[in-house]
Amino acid sequence: MNLKSTLLKSTVIAALVAAPLAPVMAQTATPEAPAEAPAQAPEQTPAAPAAEFSETQLTAFVDAAAQVQAVQQDYMVKIDAVEEPEGKQKLVEEAQAEMADAVNETEGMDVDTYNQIGQAAQANPELNERIIAMLQERAPAGPETMTE
C-alpha cells in the first residue's frame, strides 16, 4: 500500500510538472531561443538533453515546478467556480501568465529552460526519475510517504 501511494504520488507530481509545459511555452514564446535547441529531435537523441542540464538547473526547475503547481492549484479552484466559457478562458490565460511569471522569477530558471528540462524528462526516464526524487525530497513527509 505504501508503494502504491508512492507510485501514485510520483505520477501526480510528474503530471503536474509536465502539464504546464505547452501552455507556458505557447504563452511566452520568445525569439531569443537558442538556435541549437530546435535542431534536436527527441526521437533521435532522447538521452542527450539530460546531460546538458546541471544540478543547479535541475534544482531551479524543481523550485519553479513547485511554484507552477501552486499557481495551478489556486486557479483550478477559481476555474471550477466559473460557469461561463469566456470566464474560464480568461482565468486560464491569467493562470498561464502567472505560471510563466513563477518560472521566470525562480532564480536560475527561465521559461525556455523550464520547457526544455520538462521535455527532456518526458523523453528520458532516468532524468524523470531524478526530478521526481528531487520533488519528493522537498514534499512534506506525510504518513503515506513514511517508511517503516
C-alpha atoms as a PDB file:
ATOM      1  CA  MET A   1       0.000   0.000   0.000  1.00  0.00           C
ATOM      2  CA  ASN A   2       2.903   2.322   0.772  1.00  0.00           C
ATOM      3  CA  LEU A   3       4.396   1.521  -2.649  1.00  0.00           C
ATOM      4  CA  LYS A   4       1.066   2.230  -4.390  1.00  0.00           C
ATOM      5  CA  SER A   5       0.805   5.561  -2.600  1.00  0.00           C
ATOM      6  CA  THR A   6       4.348   6.480  -3.583  1.00  0.00           C
ATOM      7  CA  LEU A   7       3.754   5.478  -7.209  1.00  0.00           C
ATOM      8  CA  LEU A   8       0.521   7.438  -7.330  1.00  0.00           C
ATOM      9  CA  LYS A   9       2.224  10.487  -5.845  1.00  0.00           C
ATOM     10  CA  SER A  10       5.063  10.168  -8.377  1.00  0.00           C
ATOM     11  CA  THR A  11       2.586  10.006 -11.227  1.00  0.00           C
ATOM     12  CA  VAL A  12       0.715  13.044  -9.943  1.00  0.00           C
ATOM     13  CA  ILE A  13       3.938  15.004  -9.471  1.00  0.00           C
ATOM     14  CA  ALA A  14       5.116  14.079 -12.963  1.00  0.00           C
ATOM     15  CA  ALA A  15       1.786  15.122 -14.438  1.00  0.00           C
ATOM     16  CA  LEU A  16       1.877  18.453 -12.620  1.00  0.00           C
ATOM     17  CA  VAL A  17       5.381  19.136 -13.854  1.00  0.00           C
ATOM     18  CA  ALA A  18       4.567  18.181 -17.434  1.00  0.00           C
ATOM     19  CA  ALA A  19       1.094  19.721 -17.678  1.00  0.00           C
ATOM     20  CA  PRO A  20       2.080  23.389 -17.820  1.00  0.00           C
ATOM     21  CA  LEU A  21       4.750  22.937 -20.461  1.00  0.00           C
ATOM     22  CA  ALA A  22       2.659  23.553 -23.566  1.00  0.00           C
ATOM     23  CA  PRO A  23       0.547  26.421 -22.200  1.00  0.00           C
ATOM     24  CA  VAL A  24       3.543  28.187 -20.674  1.00  0.00           C
ATOM     25  CA  MET A  25       5.567  27.721 -23.841  1.00  0.00           C
ATOM     26  CA  ALA A  26       2.757  28.992 -26.059  1.00  0.00           C
ATOM     27  CA  GLN A  27       2.084  31.960 -23.808  1.00  0.00           C
ATOM     28  CA  THR A  28       5.686  33.110 -23.580  1.00  0.00           C
ATOM     29  CA  ALA A  29       7.452  32.066 -26.769  1.00  0.00           C
ATOM     30  CA  THR A  30      10.400  34.373 -27.371  1.00  0.00           C
ATOM     31  CA  PRO A  31      12.612  34.906 -30.408  1.00  0.00           C
ATOM     32  CA  GLU A  32      15.674  34.617 -28.134  1.00  0.00           C
ATOM     33  CA  ALA A  33      15.534  30.804 -28.092  1.00  0.00           C
ATOM     34  CA  PRO A  34      18.922  29.235 -28.819  1.00  0.00           C
ATOM     35  CA  ALA A  35      19.335  28.104 -32.421  1.00  0.00           C
ATOM     36  CA  GLU A  36      20.613  24.653 -31.475  1.00  0.00           C
ATOM     37  CA  ALA A  37      17.501  23.671 -29.464  1.00  0.00           C
ATOM     38  CA  PRO A  38      15.165  23.105 -32.462  1.00  0.00           C
ATOM     39  CA  ALA A  39      17.816  21.013 -34.220  1.00  0.00           C
ATOM     40  CA  GLN A  40      17.486  18.265 -31.609  1.00  0.00           C
ATOM     41  CA  ALA A  41      14.949  15.615 -32.483  1.00  0.00           C
ATOM     42  CA  PRO A  42      13.696  13.944 -29.290  1.00  0.00           C
ATOM     43  CA  GLU A  43      13.144  10.594 -31.000  1.00  0.00           C
ATOM     44  CA  GLN A  44      16.730  10.565 -32.276  1.00  0.00           C
ATOM     45  CA  THR A  45      18.527  11.541 -29.069  1.00  0.00           C
ATOM     46  CA  PRO A  46      16.229  11.056 -26.063  1.00  0.00           C
ATOM     47  CA  ALA A  47      19.066  10.804 -23.536  1.00  0.00           C
ATOM     48  CA  ALA A  48      21.172  13.678 -24.884  1.00  0.00           C
ATOM     49  CA  PRO A  49      19.230  16.580 -23.297  1.00  0.00           C
ATOM     50  CA  ALA A  50      19.689  15.161 -19.783  1.00  0.00           C
ATOM     51  CA  ALA A  51      23.458  15.574 -19.998  1.00  0.00           C
ATOM     52  CA  GLU A  52      23.035  19.251 -20.804  1.00  0.00           C
ATOM     53  CA  PHE A  53      21.380  20.190 -17.511  1.00  0.00           C
ATOM     54  CA  SER A  54      23.428  20.963 -14.434  1.00  0.00           C
ATOM     55  CA  GLU A  55      22.392  20.125 -10.908  1.00  0.00           C
ATOM     56  CA  THR A  56      21.764  23.853 -10.396  1.00  0.00           C
ATOM     57  CA  GLN A  57      19.406  23.951 -13.376  1.00  0.00           C
ATOM     58  CA  LEU A  58      17.531  20.871 -12.170  1.00  0.00           C
ATOM     59  CA  THR A  59      17.209  22.366  -8.690  1.00  0.00           C
ATOM     60  CA  ALA A  60      15.858  25.586 -10.203  1.00  0.00           C
ATOM     61  CA  PHE A  61      13.462  23.513 -12.322  1.00  0.00           C
ATOM     62  CA  VAL A  62      12.146  21.767  -9.207  1.00  0.00           C
ATOM     63  CA  ASP A  63      11.744  25.134  -7.456  1.00  0.00           C
ATOM     64  CA  ALA A  64       9.868  26.519 -10.467  1.00  0.00           C
ATOM     65  CA  ALA A  65       7.718  23.379 -10.755  1.00  0.00           C
ATOM     66  CA  ALA A  66       6.640  23.800  -7.128  1.00  0.00           C
ATOM     67  CA  GLN A  67       5.613  27.392  -7.856  1.00  0.00           C
ATOM     68  CA  VAL A  68       3.802  26.351 -11.037  1.00  0.00           C
ATOM     69  CA  GLN A  69       1.972  23.661  -9.080  1.00  0.00           C
ATOM     70  CA  ALA A  70       0.840  26.238  -6.510  1.00  0.00           C
ATOM     71  CA  VAL A  71      -0.495  28.510  -9.276  1.00  0.00           C
ATOM     72  CA  GLN A  72      -2.281  25.567 -10.903  1.00  0.00           C
ATOM     73  CA  GLN A  73      -3.943  24.555  -7.660  1.00  0.00           C
ATOM     74  CA  ASP A  74      -5.064  28.111  -6.964  1.00  0.00           C
ATOM     75  CA  TYR A  75      -6.509  28.584 -10.448  1.00  0.00           C
ATOM     76  CA  MET A  76      -8.180  25.174 -10.654  1.00  0.00           C
ATOM     77  CA  VAL A  77     -10.454  26.224  -7.793  1.00  0.00           C
ATOM     78  CA  LYS A  78     -11.200  29.547  -9.481  1.00  0.00           C
ATOM     79  CA  ILE A  79     -11.823  27.970 -12.895  1.00  0.00           C
ATOM     80  CA  ASP A  80     -14.133  25.329 -11.437  1.00  0.00           C
ATOM     81  CA  ALA A  81     -16.187  28.063  -9.741  1.00  0.00           C
ATOM     82  CA  VAL A  82     -16.881  29.897 -13.026  1.00  0.00           C
ATOM     83  CA  GLU A  83     -19.604  28.577 -15.302  1.00  0.00           C
ATOM     84  CA  GLU A  84     -19.360  30.633 -18.499  1.00  0.00           C
ATOM     85  CA  PRO A  85     -16.695  29.584 -21.043  1.00  0.00           C
ATOM     86  CA  GLU A  86     -15.431  33.153 -21.530  1.00  0.00           C
ATOM     87  CA  GLY A  87     -14.755  33.496 -17.815  1.00  0.00           C
ATOM     88  CA  LYS A  88     -12.970  30.139 -17.720  1.00  0.00           C
ATOM     89  CA  GLN A  89     -10.835  31.111 -20.721  1.00  0.00           C
ATOM     90  CA  LYS A  90      -9.859  34.400 -19.087  1.00  0.00           C
ATOM     91  CA  LEU A  91      -8.793  32.566 -15.938  1.00  0.00           C
ATOM     92  CA  VAL A  92      -6.814  30.026 -17.977  1.00  0.00           C
ATOM     93  CA  GLU A  93      -4.941  32.876 -19.641  1.00  0.00           C
ATOM     94  CA  GLU A  94      -4.272  34.508 -16.267  1.00  0.00           C
ATOM     95  CA  ALA A  95      -3.020  31.175 -14.917  1.00  0.00           C
ATOM     96  CA  GLN A  96      -0.692  30.730 -17.885  1.00  0.00           C
ATOM     97  CA  ALA A  97       0.752  34.197 -17.372  1.00  0.00           C
ATOM     98  CA  GLU A  98       1.225  33.576 -13.651  1.00  0.00           C
ATOM     99  CA  MET A  99       2.890  30.223 -14.306  1.00  0.00           C
ATOM    100  CA  ALA A 100       5.288  31.876 -16.741  1.00  0.00           C
ATOM    101  CA  ASP A 101       5.996  34.624 -14.183  1.00  0.00           C
ATOM    102  CA  ALA A 102       6.591  31.998 -11.484  1.00  0.00           C
ATOM    103  CA  VAL A 103       9.119  30.234 -13.703  1.00  0.00           C
ATOM    104  CA  ASN A 104      10.872  33.468 -14.696  1.00  0.00           C
ATOM    105  CA  GLU A 105      11.015  34.653 -11.072  1.00  0.00           C
ATOM    106  CA  THR A 106      12.771  31.465  -9.990  1.00  0.00           C
ATOM    107  CA  GLU A 107      16.478  32.131  -9.624  1.00  0.00           C
ATOM    108  CA  GLY A 108      18.438  30.429 -12.393  1.00  0.00           C
ATOM    109  CA  MET A 109      15.383  29.494 -14.459  1.00  0.00           C
ATOM    110  CA  ASP A 110      13.533  30.828 -17.490  1.00  0.00           C
ATOM    111  CA  VAL A 111      10.569  29.506 -19.424  1.00  0.00           C
ATOM    112  CA  ASP A 112      12.648  28.136 -22.305  1.00  0.00           C
ATOM    113  CA  THR A 113      14.947  26.171 -19.988  1.00  0.00           C
ATOM    114  CA  TYR A 114      11.959  25.012 -17.909  1.00  0.00           C
ATOM    115  CA  ASN A 115      10.297  23.681 -21.050  1.00  0.00           C
ATOM    116  CA  GLN A 116      13.499  22.052 -22.288  1.00  0.00           C
ATOM    117  CA  ILE A 117      14.021  20.242 -18.994  1.00  0.00           C
ATOM    118  CA  GLY A 118      10.376  19.184 -18.877  1.00  0.00           C
ATOM    119  CA  GLN A 119      10.510  17.838 -22.414  1.00  0.00           C
ATOM    120  CA  ALA A 120      13.806  16.075 -21.742  1.00  0.00           C
ATOM    121  CA  ALA A 121      12.284  14.484 -18.627  1.00  0.00           C
ATOM    122  CA  GLN A 122       9.371  13.190 -20.695  1.00  0.00           C
ATOM    123  CA  ALA A 123      11.785  11.621 -23.189  1.00  0.00           C
ATOM    124  CA  ASN A 124      14.333  10.359 -20.647  1.00  0.00           C
ATOM    125  CA  PRO A 125      13.060   8.084 -17.856  1.00  0.00           C
ATOM    126  CA  GLU A 126      16.279   8.470 -15.851  1.00  0.00           C
ATOM    127  CA  LEU A 127      16.011  12.256 -15.823  1.00  0.00           C
ATOM    128  CA  ASN A 128      12.317  11.998 -14.987  1.00  0.00           C
ATOM    129  CA  GLU A 129      13.071   9.721 -12.012  1.00  0.00           C
ATOM    130  CA  ARG A 130      15.766  12.120 -10.831  1.00  0.00           C
ATOM    131  CA  ILE A 131      13.397  15.106 -10.962  1.00  0.00           C
ATOM    132  CA  ILE A 132      10.623  13.161  -9.219  1.00  0.00           C
ATOM    133  CA  ALA A 133      13.071  12.181  -6.473  1.00  0.00           C
ATOM    134  CA  MET A 134      14.077  15.826  -6.046  1.00  0.00           C
ATOM    135  CA  LEU A 135      10.411  16.847  -5.847  1.00  0.00           C
ATOM    136  CA  GLN A 136       9.640  14.156  -3.299  1.00  0.00           C
ATOM    137  CA  GLU A 137      12.583  15.187  -1.130  1.00  0.00           C
ATOM    138  CA  ARG A 138      11.029  18.638  -0.841  1.00  0.00           C
ATOM    139  CA  ALA A 139       7.472  17.438  -0.268  1.00  0.00           C
ATOM    140  CA  PRO A 140       6.411  17.352   3.367  1.00  0.00           C
ATOM    141  CA  ALA A 141       6.534  13.814   4.699  1.00  0.00           C
ATOM    142  CA  GLY A 142       3.088  12.526   5.490  1.00  0.00           C
ATOM    143  CA  PRO A 143       2.087   9.151   6.891  1.00  0.00           C
ATOM    144  CA  GLU A 144       1.690   7.749   3.401  1.00  0.00           C
ATOM    145  CA  THR A 145       5.313   8.550   2.483  1.00  0.00           C
ATOM    146  CA  MET A 146       6.999   7.471   5.684  1.00  0.00           C
ATOM    147  CA  THR A 147       8.944   4.227   5.590  1.00  0.00           C
ATOM    148  CA  GLU A 148       8.986   1.668   8.345  1.00  0.00           C
END
